[in-house]
Amino acid sequence: MSNTTKKLLFILPSITGILLFMIPVKFNGNWTVIVKIIADFISAAIGSALPMLCLGILTISAVLSILAQTRINIFWHNKILRETFLTSPFWTLVRVAGCALAWITYLDQNTGRYAIISGADQGGFILNDLLCTLVIIFAIAGLLLPLLLDFGLLEYIGAILTKYMRPLFTVPGRAAVDCITSWIGDGTLGVMLTCNQFEGGYYSEREAAVIATTFSAVSITFSLVVLDQVGLVEMFGIYYMTIVLIGIICALICPRIPPLSHKKDRYFVEGRHMSETIPEGYKNSREYGMKLAMDRVSEHKGLGAFISSGCINSAKMWFGVLPTVMCIGTIALIIANYTPVFEWMGIPFRPLMHLLMVPDANAAASTIIVGFVDMFTPSILIAGAGASAMTRFIIAVVSVTQVLYISEIGGLILASKLPVSLLEMFVIFLERTVISLVIVCPLAHLLF
C-alpha cells in the first residue's frame, strides 16, 4: 500500500466521521449533528414499529443471555454472540427484568392496571420515548463509529493533544475526540466511543472512568429543551456558557479526587495503549501523529472488517444496554414518582441552598437528587413549583451539569464494561452537584 493510498484512507474516512459526529449543523431550527438527523429521519419513518422492535430486542437479549449461562458451545465459538450475550448472572437477571418490565408496560398501556410500572412517567417513558430513540441512535452510530476509530484519527489527535489533555484532565489526547463527540453531539455517542476504546485496550480503567463520567455531556439541543421547560429560553447564550464553564471546572477537579483518583491504570487488553512521548527522529507531535495514523491504516483489513466492527458495536448496545436502561430506568422512576426517598435525600442540600441564598431553597433542594434518576425531571418539578426565575435558572444548569442520570448515561455506563459502580457513580454525581451549585449560584445572583 503506497503512502498516498494510506493518507487517503486516513483522511477521507476521518473527515467523514468528523462531519457525521462532531460538526454541528442547524436543522429545522435546532443545532444538532448529522448522525442525529439520520436517526430522527428513520425514527419518523418507522416510528409506530419502534416499540415492537425494542420488545423484540429485549426478548432476544433475555432468552440468549439465559442460554449463554448454560455455556452452550456456540456462545464460546462465535465472537459476536460471546461478547454480546455472555455476561454475569447479575446482569443476566437485569436483562430478564428489563424484558419483563417492557412487556408489562406494552401490554398494560390500554388497561392501566399496573400503572405504577407502565405509566407515562415510568415504564411508558422509558419504552416509548427513551428506548425508541436510543435503538436507532445505537444502530446508526454503532455502524458508523469505525470511521472515527479505525482509520487513524484518534492516533493523530492523540499525539497532538496529549500535551494539553494529560496535564489538564489526566487523560490521553485521543480522549479529545470523545469529549467533542459528547459535547457537540450526544452523551450516549461519547459513552459508546469510550466503551469501545476501553475494551480495545486504549484507555486504562482510570482514564475510561474519567472520560465516561466527566465528558459524557448533554447535547446542545437537549440543553435548550431543559431551558425552555423552565421558561427561560431567551437566556440560552449565558445559560450554555455557564454549562461549559462548569463542565470544564468539573473536568479539572473530579479526576483528582476520589473515587476517580483511586482508579488504577490497568488495561482491559494489555499492549494496545500508545506511548505519549515523541520518539527521537520526529520533528514534532504532528509528524509523530501522522506516523501512528499511517500504522493504524496499515492494520485495517478492509470493508468486511469495517462492517463487522460496526455490527459488533450495535449488537452490544442493542442487546446489552437497552435492557439495562429499561430495568434500571423504570425502577428509578418508580422510586422517584411514588416514594419520598429522593426528597429525603435532598434534605442535606437545604443548608447549602440557604447558605448560597437560593430563593425557594427547600423546593430546589428536593429536585437536586432526582437528577440522578432523570436529567429532565428536575426542570419539570421546579417549573411546577412556581419557583423564582433565579431558582429555575439554577436548577436548569445543575440538572444538565450533573451528567450521570440513570435513565440514560448512567444506565449505559452500568451496562458496559466500564469500571464504575453504582455507588461510585452516585458519589461523582454528588461531587458534580456541589461544584455546580457553588459556581452557578453566585452567577445567578449577578444575573437576576
Protein backbone atom coordinates (compact mmCIF):
# COMPACT_ATOMS: atom_id res chain seq x y z
CA MET A 1 0.00 0.00 0.00
CA SER A 2 1.53 3.34 -1.10
CA ASN A 3 1.87 6.35 1.20
CA THR A 4 -0.67 8.25 -0.93
CA THR A 5 -3.22 5.46 -0.53
CA LYS A 6 -2.59 5.33 3.22
CA LYS A 7 -3.09 9.10 3.53
CA LEU A 8 -6.34 8.93 1.56
CA LEU A 9 -7.57 6.04 3.76
CA PHE A 10 -6.73 8.18 6.79
CA ILE A 11 -8.14 11.48 5.54
CA LEU A 12 -11.38 10.53 3.77
CA PRO A 13 -12.97 8.25 6.44
CA SER A 14 -11.77 10.52 9.26
CA ILE A 15 -13.26 13.65 7.67
CA THR A 16 -16.49 11.75 7.02
CA GLY A 17 -16.61 10.67 10.68
CA ILE A 18 -15.94 14.22 11.87
CA LEU A 19 -18.72 15.58 9.65
CA LEU A 20 -21.17 12.94 10.84
CA PHE A 21 -20.44 13.01 14.58
CA MET A 22 -18.70 16.24 15.53
CA ILE A 23 -19.75 19.18 13.32
CA PRO A 24 -22.91 20.99 14.49
CA VAL A 25 -25.47 21.82 11.80
CA LYS A 26 -28.75 23.69 12.01
CA PHE A 27 -31.72 21.56 11.02
CA ASN A 28 -35.39 22.54 11.43
CA GLY A 29 -34.31 25.45 13.62
CA ASN A 30 -32.23 23.33 16.03
CA TRP A 31 -28.49 22.69 16.27
CA THR A 32 -27.63 19.01 16.04
CA VAL A 33 -25.25 16.58 14.31
CA ILE A 34 -25.83 14.65 11.07
CA VAL A 35 -25.94 11.25 12.81
CA LYS A 36 -28.82 12.50 14.97
CA ILE A 37 -30.62 13.87 11.90
CA ILE A 38 -30.33 10.46 10.19
CA ALA A 39 -31.60 8.74 13.35
CA ASP A 40 -34.55 11.13 13.66
CA PHE A 41 -35.46 10.63 9.98
CA ILE A 42 -35.51 6.84 10.38
CA SER A 43 -37.46 7.14 13.65
CA ALA A 44 -40.10 9.27 11.94
CA ALA A 45 -40.38 6.78 9.06
CA ILE A 46 -40.85 3.67 11.23
CA GLY A 47 -41.97 5.27 14.49
CA SER A 48 -45.02 3.05 15.03
CA ALA A 49 -42.91 -0.10 14.77
CA LEU A 50 -40.21 1.02 17.20
CA PRO A 51 -41.86 -0.21 20.46
CA MET A 52 -42.24 -3.71 18.98
CA LEU A 53 -38.66 -3.58 17.71
CA CYS A 54 -37.48 -2.72 21.23
CA LEU A 55 -39.59 -5.53 22.70
CA GLY A 56 -38.08 -7.97 20.22
CA ILE A 57 -34.54 -6.86 21.09
CA LEU A 58 -35.17 -7.11 24.85
CA THR A 59 -36.78 -10.54 24.47
CA ILE A 60 -33.89 -11.90 22.38
CA SER A 61 -31.43 -10.42 24.88
CA ALA A 62 -33.15 -12.09 27.85
CA VAL A 63 -33.51 -15.51 26.18
CA LEU A 64 -29.99 -15.70 24.74
CA SER A 65 -28.40 -14.33 27.92
CA ILE A 66 -30.10 -17.13 29.89
CA LEU A 67 -28.92 -19.70 27.34
CA ALA A 68 -25.40 -18.27 27.50
CA GLN A 69 -25.31 -19.04 31.22
CA THR A 70 -25.56 -22.75 30.31
CA ARG A 71 -22.22 -22.38 28.47
CA ILE A 72 -23.57 -23.75 25.18
CA ASN A 73 -20.65 -24.16 22.76
CA ILE A 74 -21.99 -21.72 20.18
CA PHE A 75 -21.52 -18.83 22.62
CA TRP A 76 -17.87 -19.69 23.10
CA HIS A 77 -17.01 -20.10 19.40
CA ASN A 78 -18.92 -17.12 17.94
CA LYS A 79 -17.30 -13.77 18.79
CA ILE A 80 -20.43 -11.62 18.37
CA LEU A 81 -22.61 -14.00 20.44
CA ARG A 82 -19.92 -14.36 23.12
CA GLU A 83 -19.27 -10.63 23.50
CA THR A 84 -22.96 -9.71 23.35
CA PHE A 85 -24.75 -12.30 25.49
CA LEU A 86 -22.17 -13.97 27.75
CA THR A 87 -22.32 -11.91 30.94
CA SER A 88 -22.51 -12.38 34.71
CA PRO A 89 -25.60 -13.89 36.41
CA PHE A 90 -26.44 -10.49 37.89
CA TRP A 91 -26.52 -8.68 34.53
CA THR A 92 -28.43 -11.61 33.03
CA LEU A 93 -31.06 -11.06 35.73
CA VAL A 94 -31.13 -7.33 34.91
CA ARG A 95 -31.72 -8.13 31.23
CA VAL A 96 -34.54 -10.53 32.10
CA ALA A 97 -36.12 -7.94 34.43
CA GLY A 98 -35.83 -5.29 31.72
CA CYS A 99 -37.61 -7.58 29.28
CA ALA A 100 -40.39 -8.33 31.80
CA LEU A 101 -40.91 -4.64 32.61
CA ALA A 102 -41.05 -3.79 28.90
CA TRP A 103 -43.73 -6.40 28.20
CA ILE A 104 -45.79 -5.31 31.22
CA THR A 105 -45.56 -1.71 30.03
CA TYR A 106 -46.53 -2.57 26.45
CA LEU A 107 -49.46 -4.86 27.33
CA ASP A 108 -50.82 -2.60 30.09
CA GLN A 109 -50.90 0.67 28.17
CA ASN A 110 -54.62 0.42 27.44
CA THR A 111 -55.82 -1.00 30.78
CA GLY A 112 -53.65 0.88 33.27
CA ARG A 113 -53.94 -1.98 35.74
CA TYR A 114 -50.24 -1.79 36.52
CA ALA A 115 -49.82 1.94 36.04
CA ILE A 116 -47.12 2.08 38.70
CA ILE A 117 -44.94 0.26 36.12
CA SER A 118 -46.48 1.18 32.77
CA GLY A 119 -47.41 4.82 33.46
CA ALA A 120 -46.24 7.56 31.11
CA ASP A 121 -43.80 8.83 33.75
CA GLN A 122 -42.33 5.38 34.46
CA GLY A 123 -42.09 2.44 32.06
CA GLY A 124 -44.07 4.25 29.39
CA PHE A 125 -41.46 6.98 29.18
CA ILE A 126 -38.54 4.53 29.11
CA LEU A 127 -40.05 2.22 26.48
CA ASN A 128 -41.93 4.61 24.20
CA ASP A 129 -39.66 7.64 24.38
CA LEU A 130 -36.15 6.81 25.52
CA LEU A 131 -35.64 3.30 24.11
CA CYS A 132 -37.32 4.18 20.81
CA THR A 133 -34.79 7.00 20.44
CA LEU A 134 -31.77 5.02 21.59
CA VAL A 135 -32.46 1.96 19.41
CA ILE A 136 -31.98 3.96 16.20
CA ILE A 137 -29.04 6.01 17.50
CA PHE A 138 -27.28 2.82 18.61
CA ALA A 139 -27.79 1.20 15.20
CA ILE A 140 -26.63 4.18 13.13
CA ALA A 141 -23.83 5.31 15.44
CA GLY A 142 -22.61 1.76 16.05
CA LEU A 143 -22.25 1.10 12.33
CA LEU A 144 -20.54 4.43 11.64
CA LEU A 145 -18.27 4.74 14.70
CA PRO A 146 -15.45 2.83 12.94
CA LEU A 147 -14.99 5.95 10.80
CA LEU A 148 -13.67 7.66 13.93
CA LEU A 149 -11.98 4.60 15.42
CA ASP A 150 -10.35 2.53 12.71
CA PHE A 151 -8.61 4.91 10.32
CA GLY A 152 -6.02 6.70 12.46
CA LEU A 153 -7.95 9.80 13.60
CA LEU A 154 -7.62 9.01 17.31
CA GLU A 155 -3.91 8.28 16.95
CA TYR A 156 -3.32 11.56 15.11
CA ILE A 157 -5.38 13.69 17.51
CA GLY A 158 -3.93 11.84 20.49
CA ALA A 159 -0.34 12.63 19.60
CA ILE A 160 -1.12 16.32 19.09
CA LEU A 161 -3.35 16.95 22.11
CA THR A 162 -1.77 14.75 24.80
CA LYS A 163 0.36 17.69 25.97
CA TYR A 164 -2.88 19.54 26.78
CA MET A 165 -5.32 16.79 27.80
CA ARG A 166 -2.93 14.95 30.13
CA PRO A 167 -1.93 17.88 32.40
CA LEU A 168 -5.42 19.41 32.42
CA PHE A 169 -7.73 16.40 32.65
CA THR A 170 -5.32 13.45 33.33
CA VAL A 171 -6.45 11.62 30.16
CA PRO A 172 -4.78 10.86 26.80
CA GLY A 173 -5.01 13.28 23.89
CA ARG A 174 -7.23 10.88 21.93
CA ALA A 175 -9.92 11.48 24.58
CA ALA A 176 -10.48 14.90 22.96
CA VAL A 177 -12.48 13.13 20.24
CA ASP A 178 -14.74 11.52 22.88
CA CYS A 179 -15.17 14.91 24.56
CA ILE A 180 -16.13 16.76 21.40
CA THR A 181 -18.46 13.97 20.29
CA SER A 182 -20.26 14.11 23.66
CA TRP A 183 -20.49 17.89 23.95
CA ILE A 184 -21.48 18.67 20.38
CA GLY A 185 -23.35 15.51 19.51
CA ASP A 186 -24.79 13.44 22.30
CA GLY A 187 -23.53 11.92 25.55
CA THR A 188 -24.60 8.41 24.51
CA LEU A 189 -22.30 8.62 21.47
CA GLY A 190 -19.41 9.58 23.75
CA VAL A 191 -20.09 6.64 26.07
CA MET A 192 -20.19 4.26 23.09
CA LEU A 193 -16.86 5.58 21.86
CA THR A 194 -15.30 5.37 25.33
CA CYS A 195 -16.51 1.78 25.83
CA ASN A 196 -15.02 0.79 22.51
CA GLN A 197 -11.66 2.36 23.31
CA PHE A 198 -11.53 0.85 26.81
CA GLU A 199 -12.38 -2.65 25.61
CA GLY A 200 -9.80 -2.24 22.84
CA GLY A 201 -7.09 -1.52 25.42
CA TYR A 202 -6.51 2.12 24.51
CA TYR A 203 -7.74 3.58 27.84
CA SER A 204 -6.84 2.39 31.32
CA GLU A 205 -9.56 1.80 33.92
CA ARG A 206 -8.92 5.23 35.41
CA GLU A 207 -8.89 7.02 32.08
CA ALA A 208 -12.07 5.32 30.86
CA ALA A 209 -13.88 6.09 34.13
CA VAL A 210 -12.81 9.74 33.99
CA ILE A 211 -13.84 10.19 30.36
CA ALA A 212 -17.21 8.43 30.71
CA THR A 213 -18.27 10.23 33.91
CA THR A 214 -16.76 13.64 33.17
CA PHE A 215 -17.23 14.29 29.46
CA SER A 216 -20.47 12.48 28.61
CA ALA A 217 -22.36 15.74 28.43
CA VAL A 218 -25.93 16.54 27.47
CA SER A 219 -26.27 17.70 23.86
CA ILE A 220 -26.79 21.35 22.97
CA THR A 221 -30.27 20.55 21.65
CA PHE A 222 -31.46 18.90 24.86
CA SER A 223 -29.97 21.70 26.95
CA LEU A 224 -32.25 24.05 25.04
CA VAL A 225 -35.23 21.78 25.77
CA VAL A 226 -34.46 21.94 29.52
CA LEU A 227 -34.21 25.74 29.47
CA ASP A 228 -37.46 26.00 27.54
CA GLN A 229 -39.14 23.81 30.16
CA VAL A 230 -38.33 26.36 32.91
CA GLY A 231 -39.44 29.28 30.72
CA LEU A 232 -36.05 30.98 30.27
CA VAL A 233 -35.18 30.14 26.66
CA GLU A 234 -34.23 33.76 25.94
CA MET A 235 -31.20 33.27 28.23
CA PHE A 236 -29.73 30.40 26.24
CA GLY A 237 -26.44 32.18 25.46
CA ILE A 238 -25.38 32.83 29.06
CA TYR A 239 -27.01 29.54 30.11
CA TYR A 240 -24.88 27.40 27.81
CA MET A 241 -21.72 29.40 28.55
CA THR A 242 -22.33 28.62 32.24
CA ILE A 243 -22.75 24.91 31.46
CA VAL A 244 -19.47 24.86 29.51
CA LEU A 245 -17.63 26.70 32.32
CA ILE A 246 -18.93 24.29 34.98
CA GLY A 247 -18.19 21.29 32.76
CA ILE A 248 -14.57 22.35 32.36
CA ILE A 249 -14.13 23.02 36.09
CA CYS A 250 -15.68 19.64 36.97
CA ALA A 251 -13.34 18.00 34.48
CA LEU A 252 -10.38 19.67 36.20
CA ILE A 253 -11.43 18.75 39.75
CA CYS A 254 -13.24 15.37 39.68
CA PRO A 255 -10.38 13.26 38.23
CA ARG A 256 -8.14 14.48 41.06
CA ILE A 257 -10.41 13.46 43.95
CA PRO A 258 -11.88 10.09 44.99
CA PRO A 259 -13.36 7.89 43.68
CA LEU A 260 -11.83 8.66 40.26
CA SER A 261 -8.38 9.44 41.66
CA HIS A 262 -8.30 5.95 43.27
CA LYS A 263 -8.84 4.11 39.99
CA LYS A 264 -5.90 2.05 38.73
CA ASP A 265 -4.13 2.46 35.41
CA ARG A 266 -4.87 -1.15 34.46
CA TYR A 267 -5.86 -2.04 30.93
CA PHE A 268 -8.69 -4.26 29.74
CA VAL A 269 -6.37 -5.51 26.97
CA GLU A 270 -2.65 -5.15 27.50
CA GLY A 271 -0.26 -3.77 24.92
CA ARG A 272 -2.62 -1.56 22.90
CA HIS A 273 -2.27 1.84 24.60
CA MET A 274 0.05 4.18 22.74
CA SER A 275 3.13 5.92 24.08
CA GLU A 276 2.66 9.59 24.93
CA THR A 277 6.28 10.58 24.40
CA ILE A 278 7.60 11.55 20.97
CA PRO A 279 10.44 9.19 19.97
CA GLU A 280 13.67 10.50 18.55
CA GLY A 281 13.65 11.18 14.82
CA TYR A 282 10.33 13.06 14.74
CA LYS A 283 10.29 16.86 14.43
CA ASN A 284 7.03 17.43 16.31
CA SER A 285 3.84 15.79 17.58
CA ARG A 286 2.06 16.26 14.22
CA GLU A 287 4.70 14.22 12.38
CA TYR A 288 4.59 11.50 15.03
CA GLY A 289 0.77 11.55 14.97
CA MET A 290 0.77 11.06 11.20
CA LYS A 291 3.14 8.10 11.58
CA LEU A 292 0.78 6.50 14.14
CA ALA A 293 -2.21 7.17 11.87
CA MET A 294 -0.45 5.51 8.92
CA ASP A 295 0.34 2.49 11.10
CA ARG A 296 -3.30 2.23 12.10
CA VAL A 297 -4.47 2.43 8.47
CA SER A 298 -2.00 -0.32 7.53
CA GLU A 299 -3.63 -2.64 10.08
CA HIS A 300 -7.13 -2.21 8.62
CA LYS A 301 -8.50 -5.33 6.95
CA GLY A 302 -10.96 -3.78 4.53
CA LEU A 303 -14.71 -3.34 4.15
CA GLY A 304 -15.55 -6.66 5.80
CA ALA A 305 -13.70 -5.68 8.99
CA PHE A 306 -15.40 -2.26 8.92
CA ILE A 307 -18.88 -3.79 8.71
CA SER A 308 -18.05 -6.45 11.32
CA SER A 309 -16.76 -3.84 13.77
CA GLY A 310 -19.89 -1.71 13.28
CA CYS A 311 -22.23 -4.68 13.76
CA ILE A 312 -20.48 -5.71 16.99
CA ASN A 313 -20.78 -2.12 18.29
CA SER A 314 -24.50 -2.01 17.52
CA ALA A 315 -25.19 -5.51 18.88
CA LYS A 316 -23.51 -4.74 22.21
CA MET A 317 -25.58 -1.59 22.64
CA TRP A 318 -28.87 -3.12 21.47
CA PHE A 319 -28.78 -6.35 23.44
CA GLY A 320 -26.68 -5.21 26.40
CA VAL A 321 -27.59 -1.60 27.09
CA LEU A 322 -31.27 -1.30 26.11
CA PRO A 323 -32.47 -3.97 28.63
CA THR A 324 -30.38 -2.35 31.38
CA VAL A 325 -31.81 1.09 30.67
CA MET A 326 -35.34 -0.37 30.71
CA CYS A 327 -34.77 -2.13 34.04
CA ILE A 328 -32.79 0.48 35.98
CA GLY A 329 -34.56 3.48 34.46
CA THR A 330 -38.06 2.17 35.19
CA ILE A 331 -37.24 1.17 38.78
CA ALA A 332 -35.56 4.52 39.43
CA LEU A 333 -38.54 6.47 38.06
CA ILE A 334 -40.97 4.40 40.15
CA ILE A 335 -38.95 5.25 43.27
CA ALA A 336 -38.81 8.93 42.30
CA ASN A 337 -42.53 9.22 41.48
CA TYR A 338 -44.10 7.01 44.15
CA THR A 339 -41.87 7.37 47.20
CA PRO A 340 -40.34 10.28 49.14
CA VAL A 341 -36.88 8.66 49.01
CA PHE A 342 -35.28 11.27 46.76
CA GLU A 343 -36.98 14.12 48.61
CA TRP A 344 -35.48 12.81 51.85
CA MET A 345 -32.09 12.51 50.18
CA GLY A 346 -32.35 16.15 49.13
CA ILE A 347 -32.73 17.37 52.72
CA PRO A 348 -28.93 17.60 53.32
CA PHE A 349 -28.74 20.09 50.44
CA ARG A 350 -31.11 22.55 52.15
CA PRO A 351 -28.42 24.15 54.35
CA LEU A 352 -26.19 24.60 51.29
CA MET A 353 -29.07 26.15 49.34
CA HIS A 354 -29.77 28.57 52.19
CA LEU A 355 -26.05 29.37 52.53
CA LEU A 356 -25.92 30.20 48.81
CA MET A 357 -29.06 32.34 49.26
CA VAL A 358 -31.12 30.44 46.70
CA PRO A 359 -34.78 31.54 46.66
CA ASP A 360 -37.24 28.69 47.26
CA ALA A 361 -34.31 26.78 48.75
CA ASN A 362 -36.33 23.82 50.07
CA ALA A 363 -38.12 23.25 46.75
CA ALA A 364 -34.81 23.48 44.89
CA ALA A 365 -33.12 21.02 47.27
CA SER A 366 -35.89 18.48 46.68
CA THR A 367 -35.17 18.43 42.96
CA ILE A 368 -31.39 18.04 43.22
CA ILE A 369 -31.13 14.29 43.90
CA VAL A 370 -33.92 13.48 41.42
CA GLY A 371 -31.40 14.43 38.73
CA PHE A 372 -29.62 11.15 39.46
CA VAL A 373 -32.67 9.33 38.10
CA ASP A 374 -33.52 11.50 35.11
CA MET A 375 -32.00 14.71 33.80
CA PHE A 376 -35.30 16.27 32.65
CA THR A 377 -37.33 15.65 35.83
CA PRO A 378 -35.76 18.42 38.00
CA SER A 379 -36.74 21.10 35.47
CA ILE A 380 -40.30 19.74 35.37
CA LEU A 381 -40.55 19.75 39.17
CA ILE A 382 -39.11 23.23 39.67
CA ALA A 383 -41.27 24.70 36.88
CA GLY A 384 -44.35 23.20 38.52
CA ALA A 385 -43.37 24.53 41.96
CA GLY A 386 -43.81 28.15 40.90
CA ALA A 387 -40.21 28.97 41.84
CA SER A 388 -38.50 32.26 41.01
CA ALA A 389 -36.63 32.80 37.74
CA MET A 390 -33.29 32.63 39.58
CA THR A 391 -34.09 29.24 41.11
CA ARG A 392 -35.37 27.88 37.80
CA PHE A 393 -32.14 29.01 36.11
CA ILE A 394 -30.00 27.35 38.79
CA ILE A 395 -31.85 24.04 38.57
CA ALA A 396 -31.79 24.11 34.76
CA VAL A 397 -28.00 24.48 34.85
CA VAL A 398 -27.33 21.93 37.59
CA SER A 399 -29.60 19.26 36.09
CA VAL A 400 -27.51 19.37 32.91
CA THR A 401 -24.05 19.55 34.52
CA GLN A 402 -24.79 16.62 36.88
CA VAL A 403 -24.50 14.39 33.76
CA LEU A 404 -24.83 10.96 35.43
CA TYR A 405 -28.57 10.28 35.28
CA ILE A 406 -29.55 6.61 35.47
CA SER A 407 -32.30 6.71 32.84
CA GLU A 408 -29.69 7.16 30.10
CA ILE A 409 -25.98 7.99 30.58
CA GLY A 410 -25.71 6.22 33.95
CA GLY A 411 -27.57 3.19 32.63
CA LEU A 412 -25.25 2.98 29.64
CA ILE A 413 -22.17 3.10 31.86
CA LEU A 414 -23.53 0.46 34.25
CA ALA A 415 -24.43 -1.83 31.35
CA SER A 416 -20.95 -1.57 29.85
CA LYS A 417 -17.61 -2.98 30.95
CA LEU A 418 -16.51 0.45 32.18
CA PRO A 419 -15.12 0.17 35.74
CA VAL A 420 -17.66 2.39 37.50
CA SER A 421 -20.06 1.02 40.14
CA LEU A 422 -23.45 2.47 41.03
CA LEU A 423 -22.11 3.78 44.36
CA GLU A 424 -19.09 5.41 42.70
CA MET A 425 -21.37 6.98 40.11
CA PHE A 426 -23.57 8.43 42.84
CA VAL A 427 -20.56 9.90 44.66
CA ILE A 428 -19.30 11.52 41.43
CA PHE A 429 -22.84 12.80 40.83
CA LEU A 430 -22.82 14.45 44.28
CA GLU A 431 -19.39 15.98 43.66
CA ARG A 432 -20.53 17.45 40.34
CA THR A 433 -23.70 18.74 42.00
CA VAL A 434 -21.83 20.62 44.75
CA ILE A 435 -19.28 22.07 42.31
CA SER A 436 -22.09 23.18 40.01
CA LEU A 437 -24.05 24.85 42.81
CA VAL A 438 -21.01 26.71 44.16
CA ILE A 439 -20.37 28.17 40.69
CA VAL A 440 -23.86 28.81 39.34
CA CYS A 441 -25.47 30.35 42.45
CA PRO A 442 -23.17 33.42 42.73
CA LEU A 443 -23.50 33.89 38.95
CA ALA A 444 -27.30 33.69 39.21
CA HIS A 445 -27.26 36.42 41.84
CA LEU A 446 -25.47 38.65 39.34
CA LEU A 447 -27.94 37.87 36.55
CA PHE A 448 -31.21 38.22 38.47
